[in-house]
Amino acid sequence: MFPLLKGDFSFILFQINPSGKHYFSLVYKNFYNRTVDQEQQDFRIRRACSLLKETELPISDIARSVGYDNALYFSRLFRQKKGRTPTQYRKGKNT
């Protein structure tokens, strides 16, 4: 797992080597059998799970804090990944 998955690290890769972003994505997918975007999305959902369990922040604030400006999109994605809405997850406080 790369520590830079905490945020949008494509900007950093682009600064290092403008042509390397695409190559890195291909190597990553071949090695891990998943895309960088999938990995980043899963990281964000895991972070959201922690915030839902540990805080009483509104869902919209949690969505923004993990990188989603649209709370409705975040909720749909969360339900797709976890099988329940963020509110249901928070009430159950389990994985």
PDB file of N, CA and C in Angstrom:
ATOM      1  N   MET A   1       0.838  -1.181   0.000  1.00  0.00           N
ATOM      2  CA  MET A   1       0.000   0.000   0.000  1.00  0.00           C
ATOM      3  C   MET A   1       0.880   1.240   0.000  1.00  0.00           C
ATOM      4  N   PHE A   2       0.571   2.183  -0.843  1.00  0.00           N
ATOM      5  CA  PHE A   2       1.346   3.416  -0.928  1.00  0.00           C
ATOM      6  C   PHE A   2       0.789   4.463   0.019  1.00  0.00           C
ATOM      7  N   PRO A   3       1.640   5.108   0.808  1.00  0.00           N
ATOM      8  CA  PRO A   3       1.153   6.130   1.724  1.00  0.00           C
ATOM      9  C   PRO A   3       0.542   7.330   1.014  1.00  0.00           C
ATOM     10  N   LEU A   4       0.902   7.561  -0.229  1.00  0.00           N
ATOM     11  CA  LEU A   4       0.360   8.710  -0.946  1.00  0.00           C
ATOM     12  C   LEU A   4      -1.083   8.520  -1.378  1.00  0.00           C
ATOM     13  N   LEU A   5      -1.658   7.352  -1.128  1.00  0.00           N
ATOM     14  CA  LEU A   5      -3.049   7.131  -1.506  1.00  0.00           C
ATOM     15  C   LEU A   5      -4.009   7.920  -0.631  1.00  0.00           C
ATOM     16  N   LYS A   6      -3.491   8.583   0.380  1.00  0.00           N
ATOM     17  CA  LYS A   6      -4.342   9.372   1.261  1.00  0.00           C
ATOM     18  C   LYS A   6      -4.978  10.537   0.520  1.00  0.00           C
ATOM     19  N   GLY A   7      -4.382  10.990  -0.525  1.00  0.00           N
ATOM     20  CA  GLY A   7      -4.923  12.122  -1.265  1.00  0.00           C
ATOM     21  C   GLY A   7      -4.769  11.916  -2.746  1.00  0.00           C
ATOM     22  N   ASP A   8      -4.927  12.993  -3.477  1.00  0.00           N
ATOM     23  CA  ASP A   8      -4.763  12.914  -4.923  1.00  0.00           C
ATOM     24  C   ASP A   8      -3.285  13.057  -5.233  1.00  0.00           C
ATOM     25  N   PHE A   9      -2.614  11.962  -5.434  1.00  0.00           N
ATOM     26  CA  PHE A   9      -1.180  11.999  -5.649  1.00  0.00           C
ATOM     27  C   PHE A   9      -0.806  12.086  -7.120  1.00  0.00           C
ATOM     28  N   SER A  10      -1.799  12.111  -7.998  1.00  0.00           N
ATOM     29  CA  SER A  10      -1.479  12.225  -9.420  1.00  0.00           C
ATOM     30  C   SER A  10      -0.749  13.534  -9.702  1.00  0.00           C
ATOM     31  N   PHE A  11      -1.076  14.576  -8.954  1.00  0.00           N
ATOM     32  CA  PHE A  11      -0.386  15.852  -9.122  1.00  0.00           C
ATOM     33  C   PHE A  11       1.102  15.701  -8.816  1.00  0.00           C
ATOM     34  N   ILE A  12       1.425  14.972  -7.751  1.00  0.00           N
ATOM     35  CA  ILE A  12       2.824  14.756  -7.379  1.00  0.00           C
ATOM     36  C   ILE A  12       3.543  13.976  -8.470  1.00  0.00           C
ATOM     37  N   LEU A  13       2.905  12.916  -8.970  1.00  0.00           N
ATOM     38  CA  LEU A  13       3.520  12.126 -10.040  1.00  0.00           C
ATOM     39  C   LEU A  13       3.756  12.974 -11.279  1.00  0.00           C
ATOM     40  N   PHE A  14       2.796  13.834 -11.585  1.00  0.00           N
ATOM     41  CA  PHE A  14       2.928  14.686 -12.764  1.00  0.00           C
ATOM     42  C   PHE A  14       4.092  15.655 -12.608  1.00  0.00           C
ATOM     43  N   GLN A  15       4.291  16.163 -11.402  1.00  0.00           N
ATOM     44  CA  GLN A  15       5.399  17.085 -11.160  1.00  0.00           C
ATOM     45  C   GLN A  15       6.747  16.379 -11.326  1.00  0.00           C
ATOM     46  N   ILE A  16       6.815  15.129 -10.899  1.00  0.00           N
ATOM     47  CA  ILE A  16       8.060  14.370 -11.004  1.00  0.00           C
ATOM     48  C   ILE A  16       8.365  14.023 -12.456  1.00  0.00           C
ATOM     49  N   ASN A  17       7.366  13.533 -13.154  1.00  0.00           N
ATOM     50  CA  ASN A  17       7.559  13.098 -14.530  1.00  0.00           C
ATOM     51  C   ASN A  17       6.224  13.196 -15.259  1.00  0.00           C
ATOM     52  N   PRO A  18       6.016  14.246 -16.050  1.00  0.00           N
ATOM     53  CA  PRO A  18       4.725  14.443 -16.712  1.00  0.00           C
ATOM     54  C   PRO A  18       4.261  13.255 -17.547  1.00  0.00           C
ATOM     55  N   SER A  19       5.171  12.508 -18.124  1.00  0.00           N
ATOM     56  CA  SER A  19       4.765  11.358 -18.935  1.00  0.00           C
ATOM     57  C   SER A  19       4.664  10.083 -18.104  1.00  0.00           C
ATOM     58  N   GLY A  20       5.053  10.132 -16.836  1.00  0.00           N
ATOM     59  CA  GLY A  20       5.097   8.940 -16.006  1.00  0.00           C
ATOM     60  C   GLY A  20       3.789   8.536 -15.360  1.00  0.00           C
ATOM     61  N   LYS A  21       2.815   9.427 -15.332  1.00  0.00           N
ATOM     62  CA  LYS A  21       1.544   9.118 -14.669  1.00  0.00           C
ATOM     63  C   LYS A  21       0.854   7.919 -15.327  1.00  0.00           C
ATOM     64  N   HIS A  22       0.780   7.941 -16.638  1.00  0.00           N
ATOM     65  CA  HIS A  22       0.127   6.845 -17.357  1.00  0.00           C
ATOM     66  C   HIS A  22       0.895   5.538 -17.164  1.00  0.00           C
ATOM     67  N   TYR A  23       2.204   5.614 -17.262  1.00  0.00           N
ATOM     68  CA  TYR A  23       3.035   4.419 -17.083  1.00  0.00           C
ATOM     69  C   TYR A  23       2.861   3.848 -15.675  1.00  0.00           C
ATOM     70  N   PHE A  24       2.897   4.717 -14.675  1.00  0.00           N
ATOM     71  CA  PHE A  24       2.707   4.271 -13.298  1.00  0.00           C
ATOM     72  C   PHE A  24       1.364   3.563 -13.136  1.00  0.00           C
ATOM     73  N   SER A  25       0.317   4.127 -13.717  1.00  0.00           N
ATOM     74  CA  SER A  25      -1.013   3.520 -13.623  1.00  0.00           C
ATOM     75  C   SER A  25      -1.034   2.127 -14.234  1.00  0.00           C
ATOM     76  N   LEU A  26      -0.371   1.966 -15.367  1.00  0.00           N
ATOM     77  CA  LEU A  26      -0.311   0.649 -16.012  1.00  0.00           C
ATOM     78  C   LEU A  26       0.458  -0.362 -15.166  1.00  0.00           C
ATOM     79  N   VAL A  27       1.598   0.059 -14.637  1.00  0.00           N
ATOM     80  CA  VAL A  27       2.405  -0.833 -13.794  1.00  0.00           C
ATOM     81  C   VAL A  27       1.626  -1.215 -12.545  1.00  0.00           C
ATOM     82  N   TYR A  28       0.983  -0.248 -11.938  1.00  0.00           N
ATOM     83  CA  TYR A  28       0.200  -0.503 -10.722  1.00  0.00           C
ATOM     84  C   TYR A  28      -0.895  -1.533 -10.997  1.00  0.00           C
ATOM     85  N   LYS A  29      -1.634  -1.339 -12.092  1.00  0.00           N
ATOM     86  CA  LYS A  29      -2.721  -2.265 -12.431  1.00  0.00           C
ATOM     87  C   LYS A  29      -2.185  -3.663 -12.704  1.00  0.00           C
ATOM     88  N   ASN A  30      -1.077  -3.768 -13.398  1.00  0.00           N
ATOM     89  CA  ASN A  30      -0.495  -5.081 -13.673  1.00  0.00           C
ATOM     90  C   ASN A  30      -0.016  -5.770 -12.402  1.00  0.00           C
ATOM     91  N   PHE A  31       0.509  -5.007 -11.472  1.00  0.00           N
ATOM     92  CA  PHE A  31       1.046  -5.582 -10.240  1.00  0.00           C
ATOM     93  C   PHE A  31      -0.052  -5.933  -9.234  1.00  0.00           C
ATOM     94  N   TYR A  32      -1.000  -5.014  -9.034  1.00  0.00           N
ATOM     95  CA  TYR A  32      -2.039  -5.200  -8.009  1.00  0.00           C
ATOM     96  C   TYR A  32      -3.370  -5.703  -8.557  1.00  0.00           C
ATOM     97  N   ASN A  33      -3.503  -5.764  -9.877  1.00  0.00           N
ATOM     98  CA  ASN A  33      -4.727  -6.214 -10.526  1.00  0.00           C
ATOM     99  C   ASN A  33      -5.929  -5.330 -10.182  1.00  0.00           C
ATOM    100  N   ARG A  34      -5.669  -4.076  -9.983  1.00  0.00           N
ATOM    101  CA  ARG A  34      -6.708  -3.066  -9.747  1.00  0.00           C
ATOM    102  C   ARG A  34      -6.121  -1.712 -10.092  1.00  0.00           C
ATOM    103  N   THR A  35      -6.989  -0.769 -10.395  1.00  0.00           N
ATOM    104  CA  THR A  35      -6.493   0.540 -10.804  1.00  0.00           C
ATOM    105  C   THR A  35      -6.156   1.407  -9.597  1.00  0.00           C
ATOM    106  N   VAL A  36      -5.382   2.441  -9.864  1.00  0.00           N
ATOM    107  CA  VAL A  36      -5.051   3.411  -8.825  1.00  0.00           C
ATOM    108  C   VAL A  36      -6.335   4.073  -8.329  1.00  0.00           C
ATOM    109  N   ASP A  37      -7.252   4.367  -9.244  1.00  0.00           N
ATOM    110  CA  ASP A  37      -8.523   4.985  -8.851  1.00  0.00           C
ATOM    111  C   ASP A  37      -9.324   4.077  -7.924  1.00  0.00           C
ATOM    112  N   GLN A  38      -9.352   2.776  -8.216  1.00  0.00           N
ATOM    113  CA  GLN A  38     -10.051   1.835  -7.331  1.00  0.00           C
ATOM    114  C   GLN A  38      -9.417   1.820  -5.950  1.00  0.00           C
ATOM    115  N   GLU A  39      -8.107   1.835  -5.911  1.00  0.00           N
ATOM    116  CA  GLU A  39      -7.388   1.824  -4.636  1.00  0.00           C
ATOM    117  C   GLU A  39      -7.683   3.082  -3.837  1.00  0.00           C
ATOM    118  N   GLN A  40      -7.658   4.207  -4.512  1.00  0.00           N
ATOM    119  CA  GLN A  40      -7.927   5.475  -3.837  1.00  0.00           C
ATOM    120  C   GLN A  40      -9.374   5.527  -3.343  1.00  0.00           C
ATOM    121  N   GLN A  41     -10.300   5.040  -4.144  1.00  0.00           N
ATOM    122  CA  GLN A  41     -11.705   5.002  -3.746  1.00  0.00           C
ATOM    123  C   GLN A  41     -11.891   4.130  -2.504  1.00  0.00           C
ATOM    124  N   ASP A  42     -11.267   2.969  -2.484  1.00  0.00           N
ATOM    125  CA  ASP A  42     -11.369   2.086  -1.320  1.00  0.00           C
ATOM    126  C   ASP A  42     -10.746   2.719  -0.085  1.00  0.00           C
ATOM    127  N   PHE A  43      -9.629   3.421  -0.272  1.00  0.00           N
ATOM    128  CA  PHE A  43      -9.009   4.114   0.857  1.00  0.00           C
ATOM    129  C   PHE A  43      -9.963   5.157   1.428  1.00  0.00           C
ATOM    130  N   ARG A  44     -10.604   5.914   0.549  1.00  0.00           N
ATOM    131  CA  ARG A  44     -11.536   6.948   1.003  1.00  0.00           C
ATOM    132  C   ARG A  44     -12.720   6.339   1.754  1.00  0.00           C
ATOM    133  N   ILE A  45     -13.226   5.221   1.270  1.00  0.00           N
ATOM    134  CA  ILE A  45     -14.355   4.570   1.945  1.00  0.00           C
ATOM    135  C   ILE A  45     -13.915   4.043   3.307  1.00  0.00           C
ATOM    136  N   ARG A  46     -12.725   3.462   3.398  1.00  0.00           N
ATOM    137  CA  ARG A  46     -12.222   3.004   4.705  1.00  0.00           C
ATOM    138  C   ARG A  46     -12.083   4.165   5.682  1.00  0.00           C
ATOM    139  N   ARG A  47     -11.575   5.284   5.195  1.00  0.00           N
ATOM    140  CA  ARG A  47     -11.441   6.469   6.050  1.00  0.00           C
ATOM    141  C   ARG A  47     -12.820   6.967   6.486  1.00  0.00           C
ATOM    142  N   ALA A  48     -13.774   6.954   5.583  1.00  0.00           N
ATOM    143  CA  ALA A  48     -15.139   7.366   5.922  1.00  0.00           C
ATOM    144  C   ALA A  48     -15.725   6.444   6.990  1.00  0.00           C
ATOM    145  N   CYS A  49     -15.465   5.151   6.894  1.00  0.00           N
ATOM    146  CA  CYS A  49     -15.945   4.203   7.909  1.00  0.00           C
ATOM    147  C   CYS A  49     -15.399   4.575   9.282  1.00  0.00           C
ATOM    148  N   SER A  50     -14.130   4.912   9.338  1.00  0.00           N
ATOM    149  CA  SER A  50     -13.530   5.321  10.613  1.00  0.00           C
ATOM    150  C   SER A  50     -14.206   6.572  11.151  1.00  0.00           C
ATOM    151  N   LEU A  51     -14.419   7.545  10.297  1.00  0.00           N
ATOM    152  CA  LEU A  51     -15.063   8.782  10.736  1.00  0.00           C
ATOM    153  C   LEU A  51     -16.505   8.548  11.179  1.00  0.00           C
ATOM    154  N   LEU A  52     -17.197   7.662  10.494  1.00  0.00           N
ATOM    155  CA  LEU A  52     -18.579   7.352  10.881  1.00  0.00           C
ATOM    156  C   LEU A  52     -18.634   6.690  12.251  1.00  0.00           C
ATOM    157  N   LYS A  53     -17.657   5.840  12.542  1.00  0.00           N
ATOM    158  CA  LYS A  53     -17.618   5.148  13.833  1.00  0.00           C
ATOM    159  C   LYS A  53     -17.143   6.053  14.960  1.00  0.00           C
ATOM    160  N   GLU A  54     -16.196   6.927  14.658  1.00  0.00           N
ATOM    161  CA  GLU A  54     -15.503   7.672  15.712  1.00  0.00           C
ATOM    162  C   GLU A  54     -16.003   9.090  15.933  1.00  0.00           C
ATOM    163  N   THR A  55     -16.819   9.618  15.018  1.00  0.00           N
ATOM    164  CA  THR A  55     -17.278  10.997  15.155  1.00  0.00           C
ATOM    165  C   THR A  55     -18.787  11.079  14.953  1.00  0.00           C
ATOM    166  N   GLU A  56     -19.306  12.245  15.216  1.00  0.00           N
ATOM    167  CA  GLU A  56     -20.714  12.533  14.938  1.00  0.00           C
ATOM    168  C   GLU A  56     -20.838  13.568  13.824  1.00  0.00           C
ATOM    169  N   LEU A  57     -19.792  13.699  13.028  1.00  0.00           N
ATOM    170  CA  LEU A  57     -19.822  14.646  11.914  1.00  0.00           C
ATOM    171  C   LEU A  57     -20.974  14.323  10.969  1.00  0.00           C
ATOM    172  N   PRO A  58     -21.604  15.338  10.394  1.00  0.00           N
ATOM    173  CA  PRO A  58     -22.632  15.082   9.380  1.00  0.00           C
ATOM    174  C   PRO A  58     -22.032  14.335   8.183  1.00  0.00           C
ATOM    175  N   ILE A  59     -22.861  13.566   7.518  1.00  0.00           N
ATOM    176  CA  ILE A  59     -22.415  12.782   6.360  1.00  0.00           C
ATOM    177  C   ILE A  59     -21.786  13.697   5.306  1.00  0.00           C
ATOM    178  N   SER A  60     -22.367  14.862   5.092  1.00  0.00           N
ATOM    179  CA  SER A  60     -21.822  15.779   4.080  1.00  0.00           C
ATOM    180  C   SER A  60     -20.404  16.223   4.434  1.00  0.00           C
ATOM    181  N   ASP A  61     -20.130  16.439   5.714  1.00  0.00           N
ATOM    182  CA  ASP A  61     -18.775  16.814   6.137  1.00  0.00           C
ATOM    183  C   ASP A  61     -17.801  15.655   5.960  1.00  0.00           C
ATOM    184  N   ILE A  62     -18.258  14.457   6.265  1.00  0.00           N
ATOM    185  CA  ILE A  62     -17.410  13.275   6.074  1.00  0.00           C
ATOM    186  C   ILE A  62     -17.110  13.094   4.589  1.00  0.00           C
ATOM    187  N   ALA A  63     -18.136  13.246   3.760  1.00  0.00           N
ATOM    188  CA  ALA A  63     -17.937  13.125   2.309  1.00  0.00           C
ATOM    189  C   ALA A  63     -16.861  14.097   1.837  1.00  0.00           C
ATOM    190  N   ARG A  64     -16.964  15.345   2.253  1.00  0.00           N
ATOM    191  CA  ARG A  64     -15.972  16.347   1.851  1.00  0.00           C
ATOM    192  C   ARG A  64     -14.586  16.018   2.397  1.00  0.00           C
ATOM    193  N   SER A  65     -14.532  15.548   3.633  1.00  0.00           N
ATOM    194  CA  SER A  65     -13.221  15.297   4.246  1.00  0.00           C
ATOM    195  C   SER A  65     -12.482  14.127   3.600  1.00  0.00           C
ATOM    196  N   VAL A  66     -13.206  13.233   2.944  1.00  0.00           N
ATOM    197  CA  VAL A  66     -12.543  12.115   2.262  1.00  0.00           C
ATOM    198  C   VAL A  66     -12.443  12.329   0.749  1.00  0.00           C
ATOM    199  N   GLY A  67     -12.800  13.543   0.300  1.00  0.00           N
ATOM    200  CA  GLY A  67     -12.552  13.883  -1.096  1.00  0.00           C
ATOM    201  C   GLY A  67     -13.739  13.891  -2.030  1.00  0.00           C
ATOM    202  N   TYR A  68     -14.960  13.846  -1.508  1.00  0.00           N
ATOM    203  CA  TYR A  68     -16.145  13.882  -2.360  1.00  0.00           C
ATOM    204  C   TYR A  68     -16.928  15.156  -2.084  1.00  0.00           C
ATOM    205  N   ASP A  69     -17.074  16.004  -3.096  1.00  0.00           N
ATOM    206  CA  ASP A  69     -17.817  17.248  -2.937  1.00  0.00           C
ATOM    207  C   ASP A  69     -19.322  17.019  -2.921  1.00  0.00           C
ATOM    208  N   ASN A  70     -19.761  15.938  -3.517  1.00  0.00           N
ATOM    209  CA  ASN A  70     -21.184  15.635  -3.625  1.00  0.00           C
ATOM    210  C   ASN A  70     -21.544  14.535  -2.625  1.00  0.00           C
ATOM    211  N   ALA A  71     -22.291  14.895  -1.586  1.00  0.00           N
ATOM    212  CA  ALA A  71     -22.645  13.935  -0.536  1.00  0.00           C
ATOM    213  C   ALA A  71     -23.552  12.827  -1.062  1.00  0.00           C
ATOM    214  N   LEU A  72     -24.413  13.140  -2.017  1.00  0.00           N
ATOM    215  CA  LEU A  72     -25.294  12.117  -2.582  1.00  0.00           C
ATOM    216  C   LEU A  72     -24.474  11.071  -3.342  1.00  0.00           C
ATOM    217  N   TYR A  73     -23.518  11.524  -4.138  1.00  0.00           N
ATOM    218  CA  TYR A  73     -22.639  10.593  -4.849  1.00  0.00           C
ATOM    219  C   TYR A  73     -21.865   9.735  -3.854  1.00  0.00           C
ATOM    220  N   PHE A  74     -21.334  10.377  -2.816  1.00  0.00           N
ATOM    221  CA  PHE A  74     -20.607   9.645  -1.778  1.00  0.00           C
ATOM    222  C   PHE A  74     -21.496   8.570  -1.146  1.00  0.00           C
ATOM    223  N   SER A  75     -22.730   8.919  -0.814  1.00  0.00           N
ATOM    224  CA  SER A  75     -23.643   7.960  -0.178  1.00  0.00           C
ATOM    225  C   SER A  75     -23.945   6.780  -1.093  1.00  0.00           C
ATOM    226  N   ARG A  76     -24.137   7.063  -2.375  1.00  0.00           N
ATOM    227  CA  ARG A  76     -24.390   5.975  -3.338  1.00  0.00           C
ATOM    228  C   ARG A  76     -23.177   5.053  -3.456  1.00  0.00           C
ATOM    229  N   LEU A  77     -22.015   5.652  -3.555  1.00  0.00           N
ATOM    230  CA  LEU A  77     -20.785   4.873  -3.656  1.00  0.00           C
ATOM    231  C   LEU A  77     -20.558   4.057  -2.381  1.00  0.00           C
ATOM    232  N   PHE A  78     -20.789   4.673  -1.231  1.00  0.00           N
ATOM    233  CA  PHE A  78     -20.621   3.991   0.046  1.00  0.00           C
ATOM    234  C   PHE A  78     -21.545   2.773   0.115  1.00  0.00           C
ATOM    235  N   ARG A  79     -22.797   2.968  -0.287  1.00  0.00           N
ATOM    236  CA  ARG A  79     -23.755   1.852  -0.261  1.00  0.00           C
ATOM    237  C   ARG A  79     -23.340   0.742  -1.223  1.00  0.00           C
ATOM    238  N   GLN A  80     -22.842   1.135  -2.372  1.00  0.00           N
ATOM    239  CA  GLN A  80     -22.372   0.147  -3.349  1.00  0.00           C
ATOM    240  C   GLN A  80     -21.221  -0.678  -2.773  1.00  0.00           C
ATOM    241  N   LYS A  81     -20.314  -0.033  -2.066  1.00  0.00           N
ATOM    242  CA  LYS A  81     -19.136  -0.712  -1.521  1.00  0.00           C
ATOM    243  C   LYS A  81     -19.426  -1.479  -0.237  1.00  0.00           C
ATOM    244  N   LYS A  82     -20.290  -0.935   0.623  1.00  0.00           N
ATOM    245  CA  LYS A  82     -20.500  -1.504   1.957  1.00  0.00           C
ATOM    246  C   LYS A  82     -21.843  -2.196   2.137  1.00  0.00           C
ATOM    247  N   GLY A  83     -22.747  -2.056   1.184  1.00  0.00           N
ATOM    248  CA  GLY A  83     -24.031  -2.734   1.285  1.00  0.00           C
ATOM    249  C   GLY A  83     -25.040  -2.045   2.187  1.00  0.00           C
ATOM    250  N   ARG A  84     -24.721  -0.857   2.630  1.00  0.00           N
ATOM    251  CA  ARG A  84     -25.639  -0.051   3.447  1.00  0.00           C
ATOM    252  C   ARG A  84     -25.246   1.414   3.324  1.00  0.00           C
ATOM    253  N   THR A  85     -26.159   2.274   3.689  1.00  0.00           N
ATOM    254  CA  THR A  85     -25.879   3.704   3.601  1.00  0.00           C
ATOM    255  C   THR A  85     -24.933   4.122   4.721  1.00  0.00           C
ATOM    256  N   PRO A  86     -24.318   5.289   4.598  1.00  0.00           N
ATOM    257  CA  PRO A  86     -23.474   5.767   5.696  1.00  0.00           C
ATOM    258  C   PRO A  86     -24.234   5.875   7.018  1.00  0.00           C
ATOM    259  N   THR A  87     -25.483   6.305   6.962  1.00  0.00           N
ATOM    260  CA  THR A  87     -26.291   6.415   8.188  1.00  0.00           C
ATOM    261  C   THR A  87     -26.525   5.045   8.806  1.00  0.00           C
ATOM    262  N   GLN A  88     -26.865   4.059   7.992  1.00  0.00           N
ATOM    263  CA  GLN A  88     -27.059   2.699   8.503  1.00  0.00           C
ATOM    264  C   GLN A  88     -25.761   2.158   9.078  1.00  0.00           C
ATOM    265  N   TYR A  89     -24.666   2.425   8.408  1.00  0.00           N
ATOM    266  CA  TYR A  89     -23.357   1.974   8.889  1.00  0.00           C
ATOM    267  C   TYR A  89     -23.052   2.591  10.246  1.00  0.00           C
ATOM    268  N   ARG A  90     -23.301   3.886  10.371  1.00  0.00           N
ATOM    269  CA  ARG A  90     -23.031   4.581  11.629  1.00  0.00           C
ATOM    270  C   ARG A  90     -23.878   3.998  12.759  1.00  0.00           C
ATOM    271  N   LYS A  91     -25.135   3.731  12.496  1.00  0.00           N
ATOM    272  CA  LYS A  91     -26.012   3.174  13.539  1.00  0.00           C
ATOM    273  C   LYS A  91     -25.547   1.794  13.970  1.00  0.00           C
ATOM    274  N   GLY A  92     -25.048   0.997  13.017  1.00  0.00           N
ATOM    275  CA  GLY A  92     -24.554  -0.336  13.343  1.00  0.00           C
ATOM    276  C   GLY A  92     -23.156  -0.311  13.914  1.00  0.00           C
ATOM    277  N   LYS A  93     -22.377   0.728  13.541  1.00  0.00           N
ATOM    278  CA  LYS A  93     -20.983   0.894  13.988  1.00  0.00           C
ATOM    279  C   LYS A  93     -20.167  -0.382  13.839  1.00  0.00           C
ATOM    280  N   ASN A  94     -20.353  -1.057  12.737  1.00  0.00           N
ATOM    281  CA  ASN A  94     -19.559  -2.265  12.488  1.00  0.00           C
ATOM    282  C   ASN A  94     -19.068  -2.259  11.058  1.00  0.00           C
ATOM    283  N   THR A  95     -18.213  -3.202  10.748  1.00  0.00           N
ATOM    284  CA  THR A  95     -17.675  -3.287   9.396  1.00  0.00           C
ATOM    285  C   THR A  95     -18.593  -4.142   8.588  1.00  0.00           C
TER     286      THR A  95
END
